[in-house]
Amino acid sequence: MKTTEFLQKLDHPRISAAIAAAEQTTSGEIRVFIDRGTLAGDPVSAAEKKFLQLGMDKTAERNAILILVAPTSQKFAVVGDEGVHKKCGVEFWQKMVADMREHFRHEEFTDAIVEAIERAGELLARNFPRKHDDRNELSDAPVEH
């Protein structure tokens, strides 16, 4: 699928609202990155690289999660920083990816991303509750490049 076609089907305000809502109960950060190019190779490696490029490893508690989608390549990945990995285990990521894949198969693109955001938010809220002095460290809007 062409990236422009994918982007036209995305409900950007709903995605941003889901991120904002998820972050209301946690000190963690969630971002969505839409890769407009062709993603060669492993999407997890690409997501890990993008995670660092976006400065997501700089959060105070190392508790950020990135959802990367490359529509042209029909690939996606979800990665979290070291603080998140210590808390959730590999089964969490596997279930999230399997559920996203099912939504993508039915062209429910926004649902796939929003559900992943909600799950990530629940995990972060459980393990990294919001503090009185918490501030939003990263933008809630999806990033496209």
Protein backbone atom coordinates (compact mmCIF):
# COMPACT_ATOMS: atom_id res chain seq x y z
CA MET A 1 0.00 0.00 0.00
CA LYS A 2 1.20 3.48 -0.78
CA THR A 3 2.03 5.59 2.21
CA THR A 4 -0.26 8.43 1.10
CA GLU A 5 -3.18 6.01 0.87
CA PHE A 6 -2.37 4.66 4.36
CA LEU A 7 -2.11 8.16 5.81
CA GLN A 8 -5.45 9.15 4.32
CA LYS A 9 -7.06 6.24 6.14
CA LEU A 10 -5.49 7.15 9.50
CA ASP A 11 -7.42 9.18 12.04
CA HIS A 12 -4.56 11.36 13.28
CA PRO A 13 -6.62 13.22 15.92
CA ARG A 14 -7.82 9.90 17.38
CA ILE A 15 -4.23 8.63 17.60
CA SER A 16 -3.00 11.83 19.28
CA ALA A 17 -5.95 11.73 21.69
CA ALA A 18 -5.20 8.09 22.55
CA ILE A 19 -1.59 8.99 23.35
CA ALA A 20 -2.64 11.96 25.49
CA ALA A 21 -5.20 9.84 27.36
CA ALA A 22 -2.73 7.00 27.94
CA GLU A 23 -0.10 9.40 29.26
CA GLN A 24 -2.53 10.95 31.79
CA THR A 25 -1.93 8.03 34.16
CA THR A 26 1.77 7.43 33.65
CA SER A 27 5.16 9.10 33.60
CA GLY A 28 5.90 7.02 30.48
CA GLU A 29 5.93 8.33 26.93
CA ILE A 30 4.40 6.84 23.79
CA ARG A 31 5.15 7.87 20.20
CA VAL A 32 3.96 6.74 16.80
CA PHE A 33 6.29 7.01 13.81
CA ILE A 34 5.09 6.52 10.23
CA ASP A 35 7.98 5.70 7.90
CA ARG A 36 7.18 7.22 4.48
CA GLY A 37 10.00 5.34 2.74
CA THR A 38 10.72 1.73 1.98
CA LEU A 39 11.91 -0.15 5.03
CA ALA A 40 14.52 -2.72 4.10
CA GLY A 41 15.36 -5.40 6.62
CA ASP A 42 14.12 -6.04 10.11
CA PRO A 43 11.47 -3.57 11.35
CA VAL A 44 12.54 -4.04 14.98
CA SER A 45 16.07 -2.89 14.17
CA ALA A 46 14.67 0.08 12.27
CA ALA A 47 12.39 0.93 15.21
CA GLU A 48 15.29 0.71 17.67
CA LYS A 49 17.34 3.07 15.48
CA LYS A 50 14.42 5.50 15.13
CA PHE A 51 13.84 5.30 18.90
CA LEU A 52 17.34 6.69 19.45
CA GLN A 53 17.05 9.27 16.64
CA LEU A 54 13.87 10.64 18.21
CA GLY A 55 15.62 10.94 21.59
CA MET A 56 13.22 8.55 23.24
CA ASP A 57 16.03 7.05 25.30
CA LYS A 58 16.33 10.37 27.13
CA THR A 59 13.18 10.08 29.25
CA ALA A 60 13.83 10.36 32.97
CA GLU A 61 12.75 6.79 33.82
CA ARG A 62 13.72 5.16 30.51
CA ASN A 63 10.06 4.31 30.02
CA ALA A 64 9.20 5.29 26.46
CA ILE A 65 7.51 3.11 23.83
CA LEU A 66 7.69 3.61 20.06
CA ILE A 67 5.21 2.20 17.54
CA LEU A 68 6.76 2.28 14.06
CA VAL A 69 4.68 1.60 10.94
CA ALA A 70 6.11 1.39 7.41
CA PRO A 71 3.04 1.10 5.15
CA THR A 72 4.87 0.84 1.82
CA SER A 73 6.89 -2.11 3.12
CA GLN A 74 3.92 -3.49 5.05
CA LYS A 75 6.04 -3.76 8.20
CA PHE A 76 5.69 -2.50 11.74
CA ALA A 77 7.35 -2.87 15.12
CA VAL A 78 6.85 -1.84 18.73
CA VAL A 79 9.88 -1.20 20.96
CA GLY A 80 10.32 0.06 24.48
CA ASP A 81 13.20 1.44 26.46
CA GLU A 82 15.11 -0.61 29.03
CA GLY A 83 12.87 0.40 31.93
CA VAL A 84 9.82 -0.92 30.09
CA HIS A 85 11.48 -4.19 29.02
CA LYS A 86 12.35 -4.98 32.63
CA LYS A 87 8.68 -4.75 33.58
CA CYS A 88 6.73 -6.42 30.76
CA GLY A 89 8.46 -9.49 29.33
CA VAL A 90 8.47 -10.73 25.76
CA GLU A 91 4.91 -12.10 25.90
CA PHE A 92 3.52 -8.57 26.21
CA TRP A 93 5.20 -7.50 22.95
CA GLN A 94 4.22 -10.69 21.12
CA LYS A 95 0.54 -10.29 22.02
CA MET A 96 0.52 -6.61 21.09
CA VAL A 97 2.12 -7.30 17.70
CA ALA A 98 -0.21 -10.23 16.97
CA ASP A 99 -3.28 -8.09 17.70
CA MET A 100 -1.95 -5.22 15.58
CA ARG A 101 -1.25 -7.60 12.71
CA GLU A 102 -4.86 -8.80 12.79
CA HIS A 103 -6.18 -5.23 12.59
CA PHE A 104 -3.78 -4.41 9.75
CA ARG A 105 -4.99 -7.46 7.80
CA HIS A 106 -8.50 -6.00 7.91
CA GLU A 107 -7.23 -2.50 7.01
CA GLU A 108 -8.23 -1.23 10.47
CA PHE A 109 -5.11 0.92 10.65
CA THR A 110 -6.20 3.43 13.26
CA ASP A 111 -7.68 0.67 15.43
CA ALA A 112 -4.38 -1.24 15.31
CA ILE A 113 -2.40 1.78 16.47
CA VAL A 114 -4.91 3.02 19.05
CA GLU A 115 -5.27 -0.42 20.63
CA ALA A 116 -1.48 -0.70 20.88
CA ILE A 117 -1.32 2.76 22.47
CA GLU A 118 -4.00 1.80 25.00
CA ARG A 119 -2.18 -1.41 25.93
CA ALA A 120 1.12 0.42 26.20
CA GLY A 121 -0.57 3.03 28.39
CA GLU A 122 -1.97 0.36 30.71
CA LEU A 123 1.45 -1.25 31.05
CA LEU A 124 3.13 2.08 31.71
CA ALA A 125 0.47 3.20 34.22
CA ARG A 126 0.83 -0.04 36.16
CA ASN A 127 4.63 0.16 36.31
CA PHE A 128 5.35 3.89 36.00
CA PRO A 129 2.45 5.78 37.63
CA ARG A 130 2.14 9.49 36.98
CA LYS A 131 3.85 11.70 39.53
CA HIS A 132 2.72 15.10 40.76
CA ASP A 133 5.58 16.83 38.90
CA ASP A 134 5.32 14.79 35.71
CA ARG A 135 5.52 16.63 32.41
CA ASN A 136 4.93 15.51 28.86
CA GLU A 137 8.47 14.97 27.59
CA LEU A 138 7.59 14.09 23.97
CA SER A 139 4.95 15.22 21.48
CA ASP A 140 1.72 13.21 21.28
CA ALA A 141 1.30 13.78 17.53
CA PRO A 142 2.33 10.97 15.18
CA VAL A 143 5.65 11.65 13.45
CA GLU A 144 5.88 11.08 9.71
CA HIS A 145 9.09 10.99 7.71
